[in-house]
Amino acid sequence: MTRLTSRFWVDAYRARLRVLDIDAFVVAHGDDTGGAVLVKLSTLDGQAVLHQRSFDLLTGTRAWIELTAGSERDVDAAIARQREFDPDLWVIEVEDRQGRHLLDQDGLE
């Protein structure tokens, strides 16, 4: 099975978001090949949710899980802590008042 590079996945994700006029920005550029990706969803009301792709040992599949949610300041602090020990980490910030992140759609898991 061929694994997509992190850079390819990030570019494809941002392109899919653009189709629906959802803004997304690369806040931290991680390793192009194998860096993990965090997705911060800001609803532009001071609140945010942080997602990370995780491996489910029971099903053998990958899925996006919610790491934390709350004030944008608290979510940003959680991201800063993650980046302290993983400099290869990508951080994508999605801004959508409706709370759309598309991570549950086919092809993005």
PDB file of N, CA and C in Angstrom:
ATOM      1  N   MET A   1       0.846  -1.175   0.000  1.00  0.00           N
ATOM      2  CA  MET A   1       0.000   0.000   0.000  1.00  0.00           C
ATOM      3  C   MET A   1       0.897   1.246   0.000  1.00  0.00           C
ATOM      4  N   THR A   2       0.618   2.159  -0.880  1.00  0.00           N
ATOM      5  CA  THR A   2       1.373   3.389  -0.971  1.00  0.00           C
ATOM      6  C   THR A   2       0.807   4.407   0.005  1.00  0.00           C
ATOM      7  N   ARG A   3       1.701   5.053   0.723  1.00  0.00           N
ATOM      8  CA  ARG A   3       1.286   6.052   1.695  1.00  0.00           C
ATOM      9  C   ARG A   3       1.513   7.442   1.113  1.00  0.00           C
ATOM     10  N   LEU A   4       0.512   8.305   1.243  1.00  0.00           N
ATOM     11  CA  LEU A   4       0.646   9.677   0.772  1.00  0.00           C
ATOM     12  C   LEU A   4       1.621  10.440   1.651  1.00  0.00           C
ATOM     13  N   THR A   5       2.375  11.330   1.044  1.00  0.00           N
ATOM     14  CA  THR A   5       3.222  12.191   1.850  1.00  0.00           C
ATOM     15  C   THR A   5       2.345  13.192   2.583  1.00  0.00           C
ATOM     16  N   SER A   6       2.864  13.712   3.662  1.00  0.00           N
ATOM     17  CA  SER A   6       2.109  14.711   4.430  1.00  0.00           C
ATOM     18  C   SER A   6       1.819  15.938   3.575  1.00  0.00           C
ATOM     19  N   ARG A   7       2.806  16.373   2.823  1.00  0.00           N
ATOM     20  CA  ARG A   7       2.630  17.557   1.979  1.00  0.00           C
ATOM     21  C   ARG A   7       1.517  17.352   0.960  1.00  0.00           C
ATOM     22  N   PHE A   8       1.479  16.200   0.322  1.00  0.00           N
ATOM     23  CA  PHE A   8       0.439  15.903  -0.666  1.00  0.00           C
ATOM     24  C   PHE A   8      -0.938  15.926  -0.007  1.00  0.00           C
ATOM     25  N   TRP A   9      -1.051  15.295   1.179  1.00  0.00           N
ATOM     26  CA  TRP A   9      -2.334  15.251   1.873  1.00  0.00           C
ATOM     27  C   TRP A   9      -2.789  16.665   2.244  1.00  0.00           C
ATOM     28  N   VAL A  10      -1.878  17.478   2.782  1.00  0.00           N
ATOM     29  CA  VAL A  10      -2.216  18.840   3.183  1.00  0.00           C
ATOM     30  C   VAL A  10      -2.697  19.646   1.973  1.00  0.00           C
ATOM     31  N   ASP A  11      -1.982  19.544   0.865  1.00  0.00           N
ATOM     32  CA  ASP A  11      -2.376  20.281  -0.339  1.00  0.00           C
ATOM     33  C   ASP A  11      -3.747  19.838  -0.841  1.00  0.00           C
ATOM     34  N   ALA A  12      -3.991  18.532  -0.843  1.00  0.00           N
ATOM     35  CA  ALA A  12      -5.283  18.009  -1.296  1.00  0.00           C
ATOM     36  C   ALA A  12      -6.412  18.438  -0.351  1.00  0.00           C
ATOM     37  N   TYR A  13      -6.148  18.408   0.940  1.00  0.00           N
ATOM     38  CA  TYR A  13      -7.142  18.822   1.936  1.00  0.00           C
ATOM     39  C   TYR A  13      -7.522  20.290   1.750  1.00  0.00           C
ATOM     40  N   ARG A  14      -6.524  21.135   1.616  1.00  0.00           N
ATOM     41  CA  ARG A  14      -6.788  22.564   1.426  1.00  0.00           C
ATOM     42  C   ARG A  14      -7.552  22.815   0.127  1.00  0.00           C
ATOM     43  N   ALA A  15      -7.256  22.056  -0.921  1.00  0.00           N
ATOM     44  CA  ALA A  15      -7.980  22.202  -2.191  1.00  0.00           C
ATOM     45  C   ALA A  15      -9.443  21.815  -2.018  1.00  0.00           C
ATOM     46  N   ARG A  16      -9.699  20.747  -1.270  1.00  0.00           N
ATOM     47  CA  ARG A  16     -11.087  20.322  -1.044  1.00  0.00           C
ATOM     48  C   ARG A  16     -11.847  21.377  -0.238  1.00  0.00           C
ATOM     49  N   LEU A  17     -11.191  21.972   0.745  1.00  0.00           N
ATOM     50  CA  LEU A  17     -11.829  23.025   1.529  1.00  0.00           C
ATOM     51  C   LEU A  17     -12.142  24.246   0.664  1.00  0.00           C
ATOM     52  N   ARG A  18     -11.222  24.596  -0.230  1.00  0.00           N
ATOM     53  CA  ARG A  18     -11.421  25.764  -1.102  1.00  0.00           C
ATOM     54  C   ARG A  18     -12.657  25.616  -1.973  1.00  0.00           C
ATOM     55  N   VAL A  19     -12.959  24.389  -2.402  1.00  0.00           N
ATOM     56  CA  VAL A  19     -14.138  24.150  -3.237  1.00  0.00           C
ATOM     57  C   VAL A  19     -15.401  24.634  -2.528  1.00  0.00           C
ATOM     58  N   LEU A  20     -15.435  24.520  -1.210  1.00  0.00           N
ATOM     59  CA  LEU A  20     -16.602  24.946  -0.425  1.00  0.00           C
ATOM     60  C   LEU A  20     -16.400  26.320   0.217  1.00  0.00           C
ATOM     61  N   ASP A  21     -15.392  27.052  -0.250  1.00  0.00           N
ATOM     62  CA  ASP A  21     -15.084  28.387   0.281  1.00  0.00           C
ATOM     63  C   ASP A  21     -14.828  28.376   1.785  1.00  0.00           C
ATOM     64  N   ILE A  22     -14.134  27.345   2.235  1.00  0.00           N
ATOM     65  CA  ILE A  22     -13.726  27.258   3.632  1.00  0.00           C
ATOM     66  C   ILE A  22     -12.249  27.645   3.685  1.00  0.00           C
ATOM     67  N   ASP A  23     -11.934  28.654   4.485  1.00  0.00           N
ATOM     68  CA  ASP A  23     -10.554  29.113   4.593  1.00  0.00           C
ATOM     69  C   ASP A  23      -9.717  28.143   5.412  1.00  0.00           C
ATOM     70  N   ALA A  24      -8.485  27.908   4.949  1.00  0.00           N
ATOM     71  CA  ALA A  24      -7.539  27.055   5.680  1.00  0.00           C
ATOM     72  C   ALA A  24      -6.138  27.573   5.438  1.00  0.00           C
ATOM     73  N   PHE A  25      -5.348  27.580   6.498  1.00  0.00           N
ATOM     74  CA  PHE A  25      -4.006  28.126   6.448  1.00  0.00           C
ATOM     75  C   PHE A  25      -3.022  27.147   7.070  1.00  0.00           C
ATOM     76  N   VAL A  26      -1.836  27.072   6.489  1.00  0.00           N
ATOM     77  CA  VAL A  26      -0.759  26.288   7.086  1.00  0.00           C
ATOM     78  C   VAL A  26      -0.114  27.178   8.140  1.00  0.00           C
ATOM     79  N   VAL A  27      -0.329  26.835   9.402  1.00  0.00           N
ATOM     80  CA  VAL A  27       0.217  27.603  10.519  1.00  0.00           C
ATOM     81  C   VAL A  27       1.627  27.127  10.851  1.00  0.00           C
ATOM     82  N   ALA A  28       1.862  25.829  10.686  1.00  0.00           N
ATOM     83  CA  ALA A  28       3.187  25.264  10.906  1.00  0.00           C
ATOM     84  C   ALA A  28       3.443  24.234   9.816  1.00  0.00           C
ATOM     85  N   HIS A  29       4.532  24.410   9.094  1.00  0.00           N
ATOM     86  CA  HIS A  29       4.907  23.518   7.997  1.00  0.00           C
ATOM     87  C   HIS A  29       5.811  22.430   8.562  1.00  0.00           C
ATOM     88  N   GLY A  30       5.296  21.219   8.590  1.00  0.00           N
ATOM     89  CA  GLY A  30       6.058  20.107   9.127  1.00  0.00           C
ATOM     90  C   GLY A  30       6.884  19.414   8.069  1.00  0.00           C
ATOM     91  N   ASP A  31       7.323  18.219   8.379  1.00  0.00           N
ATOM     92  CA  ASP A  31       8.108  17.425   7.447  1.00  0.00           C
ATOM     93  C   ASP A  31       7.243  17.058   6.245  1.00  0.00           C
ATOM     94  N   ASP A  32       7.754  17.317   5.034  1.00  0.00           N
ATOM     95  CA  ASP A  32       6.982  17.079   3.818  1.00  0.00           C
ATOM     96  C   ASP A  32       6.606  15.618   3.623  1.00  0.00           C
ATOM     97  N   THR A  33       7.449  14.722   4.073  1.00  0.00           N
ATOM     98  CA  THR A  33       7.222  13.311   3.812  1.00  0.00           C
ATOM     99  C   THR A  33       6.363  12.639   4.874  1.00  0.00           C
ATOM    100  N   GLY A  34       6.746  12.785   6.139  1.00  0.00           N
ATOM    101  CA  GLY A  34       6.078  11.987   7.161  1.00  0.00           C
ATOM    102  C   GLY A  34       5.625  12.731   8.388  1.00  0.00           C
ATOM    103  N   GLY A  35       5.535  14.037   8.325  1.00  0.00           N
ATOM    104  CA  GLY A  35       5.104  14.780   9.503  1.00  0.00           C
ATOM    105  C   GLY A  35       3.642  14.523   9.840  1.00  0.00           C
ATOM    106  N   ALA A  36       3.351  14.417  11.122  1.00  0.00           N
ATOM    107  CA  ALA A  36       1.961  14.277  11.570  1.00  0.00           C
ATOM    108  C   ALA A  36       1.229  15.596  11.311  1.00  0.00           C
ATOM    109  N   VAL A  37      -0.103  15.524  11.241  1.00  0.00           N
ATOM    110  CA  VAL A  37      -0.902  16.702  10.930  1.00  0.00           C
ATOM    111  C   VAL A  37      -1.933  16.926  12.027  1.00  0.00           C
ATOM    112  N   LEU A  38      -1.977  18.155  12.541  1.00  0.00           N
ATOM    113  CA  LEU A  38      -3.045  18.595  13.428  1.00  0.00           C
ATOM    114  C   LEU A  38      -3.928  19.547  12.640  1.00  0.00           C
ATOM    115  N   VAL A  39      -5.233  19.455  12.846  1.00  0.00           N
ATOM    116  CA  VAL A  39      -6.171  20.370  12.208  1.00  0.00           C
ATOM    117  C   VAL A  39      -6.926  21.111  13.302  1.00  0.00           C
ATOM    118  N   LYS A  40      -6.743  22.427  13.326  1.00  0.00           N
ATOM    119  CA  LYS A  40      -7.455  23.280  14.275  1.00  0.00           C
ATOM    120  C   LYS A  40      -8.640  23.890  13.537  1.00  0.00           C
ATOM    121  N   LEU A  41      -9.828  23.697  14.075  1.00  0.00           N
ATOM    122  CA  LEU A  41     -11.037  24.299  13.511  1.00  0.00           C
ATOM    123  C   LEU A  41     -11.435  25.468  14.386  1.00  0.00           C
ATOM    124  N   SER A  42     -11.375  26.656  13.826  1.00  0.00           N
ATOM    125  CA  SER A  42     -11.812  27.865  14.526  1.00  0.00           C
ATOM    126  C   SER A  42     -13.169  28.261  13.977  1.00  0.00           C
ATOM    127  N   THR A  43     -14.131  28.445  14.873  1.00  0.00           N
ATOM    128  CA  THR A  43     -15.469  28.860  14.448  1.00  0.00           C
ATOM    129  C   THR A  43     -15.622  30.375  14.499  1.00  0.00           C
ATOM    130  N   LEU A  44     -14.510  31.068  14.679  1.00  0.00           N
ATOM    131  CA  LEU A  44     -14.452  32.531  14.616  1.00  0.00           C
ATOM    132  C   LEU A  44     -15.295  33.222  15.677  1.00  0.00           C
ATOM    133  N   ASP A  45     -15.535  32.518  16.782  1.00  0.00           N
ATOM    134  CA  ASP A  45     -16.272  33.093  17.913  1.00  0.00           C
ATOM    135  C   ASP A  45     -15.467  32.943  19.206  1.00  0.00           C
ATOM    136  N   GLY A  46     -14.157  32.735  19.054  1.00  0.00           N
ATOM    137  CA  GLY A  46     -13.298  32.547  20.218  1.00  0.00           C
ATOM    138  C   GLY A  46     -13.152  31.104  20.639  1.00  0.00           C
ATOM    139  N   GLN A  47     -13.836  30.197  19.938  1.00  0.00           N
ATOM    140  CA  GLN A  47     -13.788  28.767  20.268  1.00  0.00           C
ATOM    141  C   GLN A  47     -13.083  28.006  19.154  1.00  0.00           C
ATOM    142  N   ALA A  48     -12.505  26.866  19.513  1.00  0.00           N
ATOM    143  CA  ALA A  48     -11.803  26.043  18.530  1.00  0.00           C
ATOM    144  C   ALA A  48     -11.805  24.589  18.971  1.00  0.00           C
ATOM    145  N   VAL A  49     -11.544  23.720  18.003  1.00  0.00           N
ATOM    146  CA  VAL A  49     -11.431  22.277  18.242  1.00  0.00           C
ATOM    147  C   VAL A  49     -10.164  21.814  17.538  1.00  0.00           C
ATOM    148  N   LEU A  50      -9.406  20.943  18.195  1.00  0.00           N
ATOM    149  CA  LEU A  50      -8.176  20.421  17.624  1.00  0.00           C
ATOM    150  C   LEU A  50      -8.345  18.942  17.321  1.00  0.00           C
ATOM    151  N   HIS A  51      -8.037  18.565  16.075  1.00  0.00           N
ATOM    152  CA  HIS A  51      -8.144  17.175  15.620  1.00  0.00           C
ATOM    153  C   HIS A  51      -6.772  16.626  15.244  1.00  0.00           C
ATOM    154  N   GLN A  52      -6.617  15.326  15.476  1.00  0.00           N
ATOM    155  CA  GLN A  52      -5.396  14.623  15.072  1.00  0.00           C
ATOM    156  C   GLN A  52      -5.792  13.264  14.522  1.00  0.00           C
ATOM    157  N   ARG A  53      -5.072  12.841  13.494  1.00  0.00           N
ATOM    158  CA  ARG A  53      -5.346  11.518  12.945  1.00  0.00           C
ATOM    159  C   ARG A  53      -4.696  10.487  13.847  1.00  0.00           C
ATOM    160  N   SER A  54      -5.455   9.456  14.163  1.00  0.00           N
ATOM    161  CA  SER A  54      -4.987   8.432  15.087  1.00  0.00           C
ATOM    162  C   SER A  54      -5.245   7.055  14.476  1.00  0.00           C
ATOM    163  N   PHE A  55      -4.537   6.075  14.970  1.00  0.00           N
ATOM    164  CA  PHE A  55      -4.680   4.697  14.507  1.00  0.00           C
ATOM    165  C   PHE A  55      -5.496   3.921  15.525  1.00  0.00           C
ATOM    166  N   ASP A  56      -6.585   3.319  15.072  1.00  0.00           N
ATOM    167  CA  ASP A  56      -7.435   2.517  15.936  1.00  0.00           C
ATOM    168  C   ASP A  56      -6.906   1.083  15.939  1.00  0.00           C
ATOM    169  N   LEU A  57      -6.363   0.643  17.068  1.00  0.00           N
ATOM    170  CA  LEU A  57      -5.770  -0.686  17.157  1.00  0.00           C
ATOM    171  C   LEU A  57      -6.800  -1.804  17.010  1.00  0.00           C
ATOM    172  N   LEU A  58      -8.039  -1.545  17.375  1.00  0.00           N
ATOM    173  CA  LEU A  58      -9.077  -2.585  17.291  1.00  0.00           C
ATOM    174  C   LEU A  58      -9.509  -2.841  15.854  1.00  0.00           C
ATOM    175  N   THR A  59      -9.682  -1.772  15.083  1.00  0.00           N
ATOM    176  CA  THR A  59     -10.177  -1.934  13.714  1.00  0.00           C
ATOM    177  C   THR A  59      -9.063  -1.906  12.675  1.00  0.00           C
ATOM    178  N   GLY A  60      -7.886  -1.420  13.067  1.00  0.00           N
ATOM    179  CA  GLY A  60      -6.782  -1.325  12.128  1.00  0.00           C
ATOM    180  C   GLY A  60      -6.920  -0.187  11.137  1.00  0.00           C
ATOM    181  N   THR A  61      -7.776   0.762  11.458  1.00  0.00           N
ATOM    182  CA  THR A  61      -8.004   1.892  10.551  1.00  0.00           C
ATOM    183  C   THR A  61      -7.523   3.189  11.189  1.00  0.00           C
ATOM    184  N   ARG A  62      -7.384   4.185  10.347  1.00  0.00           N
ATOM    185  CA  ARG A  62      -7.029   5.520  10.825  1.00  0.00           C
ATOM    186  C   ARG A  62      -8.311   6.341  10.889  1.00  0.00           C
ATOM    187  N   ALA A  63      -8.381   7.201  11.898  1.00  0.00           N
ATOM    188  CA  ALA A  63      -9.549   8.068  12.062  1.00  0.00           C
ATOM    189  C   ALA A  63      -9.112   9.373  12.705  1.00  0.00           C
ATOM    190  N   TRP A  64      -9.843  10.421  12.437  1.00  0.00           N
ATOM    191  CA  TRP A  64      -9.567  11.714  13.067  1.00  0.00           C
ATOM    192  C   TRP A  64     -10.258  11.751  14.415  1.00  0.00           C
ATOM    193  N   ILE A  65      -9.510  12.114  15.440  1.00  0.00           N
ATOM    194  CA  ILE A  65     -10.079  12.207  16.780  1.00  0.00           C
ATOM    195  C   ILE A  65      -9.945  13.647  17.269  1.00  0.00           C
ATOM    196  N   GLU A  66     -10.822  14.016  18.172  1.00  0.00           N
ATOM    197  CA  GLU A  66     -10.764  15.337  18.789  1.00  0.00           C
ATOM    198  C   GLU A  66      -9.802  15.278  19.964  1.00  0.00           C
ATOM    199  N   LEU A  67      -8.737  16.066  19.892  1.00  0.00           N
ATOM    200  CA  LEU A  67      -7.769  16.108  20.982  1.00  0.00           C
ATOM    201  C   LEU A  67      -8.238  17.009  22.109  1.00  0.00           C
ATOM    202  N   THR A  68      -8.742  18.176  21.746  1.00  0.00           N
ATOM    203  CA  THR A  68      -9.209  19.130  22.742  1.00  0.00           C
ATOM    204  C   THR A  68     -10.145  20.120  22.074  1.00  0.00           C
ATOM    205  N   ALA A  69     -10.957  20.761  22.885  1.00  0.00           N
ATOM    206  CA  ALA A  69     -11.870  21.793  22.399  1.00  0.00           C
ATOM    207  C   ALA A  69     -12.035  22.821  23.509  1.00  0.00           C
ATOM    208  N   GLY A  70     -12.323  24.034  23.118  1.00  0.00           N
ATOM    209  CA  GLY A  70     -12.522  25.092  24.098  1.00  0.00           C
ATOM    210  C   GLY A  70     -12.160  26.434  23.520  1.00  0.00           C
ATOM    211  N   SER A  71     -11.640  27.292  24.374  1.00  0.00           N
ATOM    212  CA  SER A  71     -11.265  28.620  23.896  1.00  0.00           C
ATOM    213  C   SER A  71     -10.104  28.479  22.917  1.00  0.00           C
ATOM    214  N   GLU A  72     -10.072  29.398  21.978  1.00  0.00           N
ATOM    215  CA  GLU A  72      -9.000  29.358  20.987  1.00  0.00           C
ATOM    216  C   GLU A  72      -7.628  29.475  21.655  1.00  0.00           C
ATOM    217  N   ARG A  73      -7.559  30.244  22.709  1.00  0.00           N
ATOM    218  CA  ARG A  73      -6.301  30.394  23.445  1.00  0.00           C
ATOM    219  C   ARG A  73      -5.839  29.055  24.022  1.00  0.00           C
ATOM    220  N   ASP A  74      -6.769  28.295  24.608  1.00  0.00           N
ATOM    221  CA  ASP A  74      -6.416  26.991  25.182  1.00  0.00           C
ATOM    222  C   ASP A  74      -5.988  25.993  24.096  1.00  0.00           C
ATOM    223  N   VAL A  75      -6.683  26.023  22.971  1.00  0.00           N
ATOM    224  CA  VAL A  75      -6.336  25.126  21.868  1.00  0.00           C
ATOM    225  C   VAL A  75      -4.960  25.489  21.308  1.00  0.00           C
ATOM    226  N   ASP A  76      -4.689  26.786  21.172  1.00  0.00           N
ATOM    227  CA  ASP A  76      -3.366  27.217  20.707  1.00  0.00           C
ATOM    228  C   ASP A  76      -2.259  26.782  21.668  1.00  0.00           C
ATOM    229  N   ALA A  77      -2.545  26.806  22.958  1.00  0.00           N
ATOM    230  CA  ALA A  77      -1.566  26.349  23.958  1.00  0.00           C
ATOM    231  C   ALA A  77      -1.304  24.854  23.801  1.00  0.00           C
ATOM    232  N   ALA A  78      -2.343  24.080  23.519  1.00  0.00           N
ATOM    233  CA  ALA A  78      -2.179  22.638  23.303  1.00  0.00           C
ATOM    234  C   ALA A  78      -1.319  22.382  22.065  1.00  0.00           C
ATOM    235  N   ILE A  79      -1.526  23.173  21.025  1.00  0.00           N
ATOM    236  CA  ILE A  79      -0.717  23.038  19.811  1.00  0.00           C
ATOM    237  C   ILE A  79       0.741  23.362  20.120  1.00  0.00           C
ATOM    238  N   ALA A  80       0.980  24.416  20.860  1.00  0.00           N
ATOM    239  CA  ALA A  80       2.349  24.809  21.212  1.00  0.00           C
ATOM    240  C   ALA A  80       3.050  23.686  21.981  1.00  0.00           C
ATOM    241  N   ARG A  81       2.332  23.033  22.887  1.00  0.00           N
ATOM    242  CA  ARG A  81       2.927  21.922  23.642  1.00  0.00           C
ATOM    243  C   ARG A  81       3.298  20.765  22.711  1.00  0.00           C
ATOM    244  N   GLN A  82       2.409  20.463  21.765  1.00  0.00           N
ATOM    245  CA  GLN A  82       2.683  19.380  20.815  1.00  0.00           C
ATOM    246  C   GLN A  82       3.903  19.701  19.962  1.00  0.00           C
ATOM    247  N   ARG A  83       4.017  20.947  19.525  1.00  0.00           N
ATOM    248  CA  ARG A  83       5.136  21.351  18.659  1.00  0.00           C
ATOM    249  C   ARG A  83       6.466  21.362  19.401  1.00  0.00           C
ATOM    250  N   GLU A  84       6.426  21.515  20.721  1.00  0.00           N
ATOM    251  CA  GLU A  84       7.665  21.491  21.501  1.00  0.00           C
ATOM    252  C   GLU A  84       8.392  20.156  21.361  1.00  0.00           C
ATOM    253  N   PHE A  85       7.646  19.062  21.315  1.00  0.00           N
ATOM    254  CA  PHE A  85       8.306  17.764  21.229  1.00  0.00           C
ATOM    255  C   PHE A  85       8.181  17.113  19.851  1.00  0.00           C
ATOM    256  N   ASP A  86       7.535  17.788  18.894  1.00  0.00           N
ATOM    257  CA  ASP A  86       7.453  17.252  17.531  1.00  0.00           C
ATOM    258  C   ASP A  86       7.621  18.387  16.522  1.00  0.00           C
ATOM    259  N   PRO A  87       8.863  18.732  16.196  1.00  0.00           N
ATOM    260  CA  PRO A  87       9.100  19.831  15.265  1.00  0.00           C
ATOM    261  C   PRO A  87       8.678  19.514  13.827  1.00  0.00           C
ATOM    262  N   ASP A  88       8.419  18.240  13.513  1.00  0.00           N
ATOM    263  CA  ASP A  88       7.993  17.854  12.166  1.00  0.00           C
ATOM    264  C   ASP A  88       6.485  17.959  11.969  1.00  0.00           C
ATOM    265  N   LEU A  89       5.791  18.447  12.962  1.00  0.00           N
ATOM    266  CA  LEU A  89       4.333  18.507  12.990  1.00  0.00           C
ATOM    267  C   LEU A  89       3.783  19.611  12.075  1.00  0.00           C
ATOM    268  N   TRP A  90       2.783  19.258  11.296  1.00  0.00           N
ATOM    269  CA  TRP A  90       2.035  20.233  10.508  1.00  0.00           C
ATOM    270  C   TRP A  90       0.863  20.725  11.349  1.00  0.00           C
ATOM    271  N   VAL A  91       0.520  22.001  11.228  1.00  0.00           N
ATOM    272  CA  VAL A  91      -0.689  22.535  11.853  1.00  0.00           C
ATOM    273  C   VAL A  91      -1.456  23.288  10.779  1.00  0.00           C
ATOM    274  N   ILE A  92      -2.668  22.847  10.539  1.00  0.00           N
ATOM    275  CA  ILE A  92      -3.554  23.485   9.576  1.00  0.00           C
ATOM    276  C   ILE A  92      -4.681  24.141  10.357  1.00  0.00           C
ATOM    277  N   GLU A  93      -4.913  25.423  10.112  1.00  0.00           N
ATOM    278  CA  GLU A  93      -6.021  26.118  10.770  1.00  0.00           C
ATOM    279  C   GLU A  93      -7.140  26.325   9.761  1.00  0.00           C
ATOM    280  N   VAL A  94      -8.300  25.783  10.099  1.00  0.00           N
ATOM    281  CA  VAL A  94      -9.500  25.906   9.285  1.00  0.00           C
ATOM    282  C   VAL A  94     -10.398  26.920   9.973  1.00  0.00           C
ATOM    283  N   GLU A  95     -10.910  27.874   9.210  1.00  0.00           N
ATOM    284  CA  GLU A  95     -11.800  28.884   9.770  1.00  0.00           C
ATOM    285  C   GLU A  95     -13.165  28.770   9.095  1.00  0.00           C
ATOM    286  N   ASP A  96     -14.164  28.414   9.905  1.00  0.00           N
ATOM    287  CA  ASP A  96     -15.511  28.262   9.351  1.00  0.00           C
ATOM    288  C   ASP A  96     -16.542  28.455  10.459  1.00  0.00           C
ATOM    289  N   ARG A  97     -17.371  29.439  10.294  1.00  0.00           N
ATOM    290  CA  ARG A  97     -18.414  29.736  11.297  1.00  0.00           C
ATOM    291  C   ARG A  97     -19.388  28.576  11.480  1.00  0.00           C
ATOM    292  N   GLN A  98     -19.566  27.775  10.438  1.00  0.00           N
ATOM    293  CA  GLN A  98     -20.488  26.634  10.509  1.00  0.00           C
ATOM    294  C   GLN A  98     -19.843  25.397  11.140  1.00  0.00           C
ATOM    295  N   GLY A  99     -18.565  25.466  11.409  1.00  0.00           N
ATOM    296  CA  GLY A  99     -17.882  24.344  12.043  1.00  0.00           C
ATOM    297  C   GLY A  99     -17.545  23.200  11.106  1.00  0.00           C
ATOM    298  N   ARG A 100     -17.439  23.491   9.811  1.00  0.00           N
ATOM    299  CA  ARG A 100     -17.123  22.438   8.842  1.00  0.00           C
ATOM    300  C   ARG A 100     -15.606  22.245   8.764  1.00  0.00           C
ATOM    301  N   HIS A 101     -15.185  20.988   8.817  1.00  0.00           N
ATOM    302  CA  HIS A 101     -13.766  20.665   8.663  1.00  0.00           C
ATOM    303  C   HIS A 101     -13.544  19.591   7.609  1.00  0.00           C
ATOM    304  N   LEU A 102     -14.582  18.877   7.241  1.00  0.00           N
ATOM    305  CA  LEU A 102     -14.578  17.837   6.190  1.00  0.00           C
ATOM    306  C   LEU A 102     -13.742  16.609   6.520  1.00  0.00           C
ATOM    307  N   LEU A 103     -13.188  16.514   7.706  1.00  0.00           N
ATOM    308  CA  LEU A 103     -12.325  15.380   8.044  1.00  0.00           C
ATOM    309  C   LEU A 103     -13.059  14.047   8.076  1.00  0.00           C
ATOM    310  N   ASP A 104     -14.386  14.100   8.154  1.00  0.00           N
ATOM    311  CA  ASP A 104     -15.178  12.873   8.188  1.00  0.00           C
ATOM    312  C   ASP A 104     -15.572  12.408   6.784  1.00  0.00           C
ATOM    313  N   GLN A 105     -15.136  13.117   5.758  1.00  0.00           N
ATOM    314  CA  GLN A 105     -15.476  12.740   4.384  1.00  0.00           C
ATOM    315  C   GLN A 105     -14.543  11.666   3.845  1.00  0.00           C
ATOM    316  N   ASP A 106     -15.056  10.894   2.882  1.00  0.00           N
ATOM    317  CA  ASP A 106     -14.251   9.849   2.239  1.00  0.00           C
ATOM    318  C   ASP A 106     -12.974  10.453   1.674  1.00  0.00           C
ATOM    319  N   GLY A 107     -11.889   9.726   1.828  1.00  0.00           N
ATOM    320  CA  GLY A 107     -10.612  10.136   1.279  1.00  0.00           C
ATOM    321  C   GLY A 107      -9.787  10.988   2.208  1.00  0.00           C
ATOM    322  N   LEU A 108     -10.367  11.484   3.278  1.00  0.00           N
ATOM    323  CA  LEU A 108      -9.610  12.329   4.200  1.00  0.00           C
ATOM    324  C   LEU A 108      -9.267  11.609   5.488  1.00  0.00           C
ATOM    325  N   GLU A 109      -9.853  10.464   5.704  1.00  0.00           N
ATOM    326  CA  GLU A 109      -9.547   9.742   6.927  1.00  0.00           C
ATOM    327  C   GLU A 109      -8.160   9.208   6.846  1.00  0.00           C
TER     328      GLU A 109
END
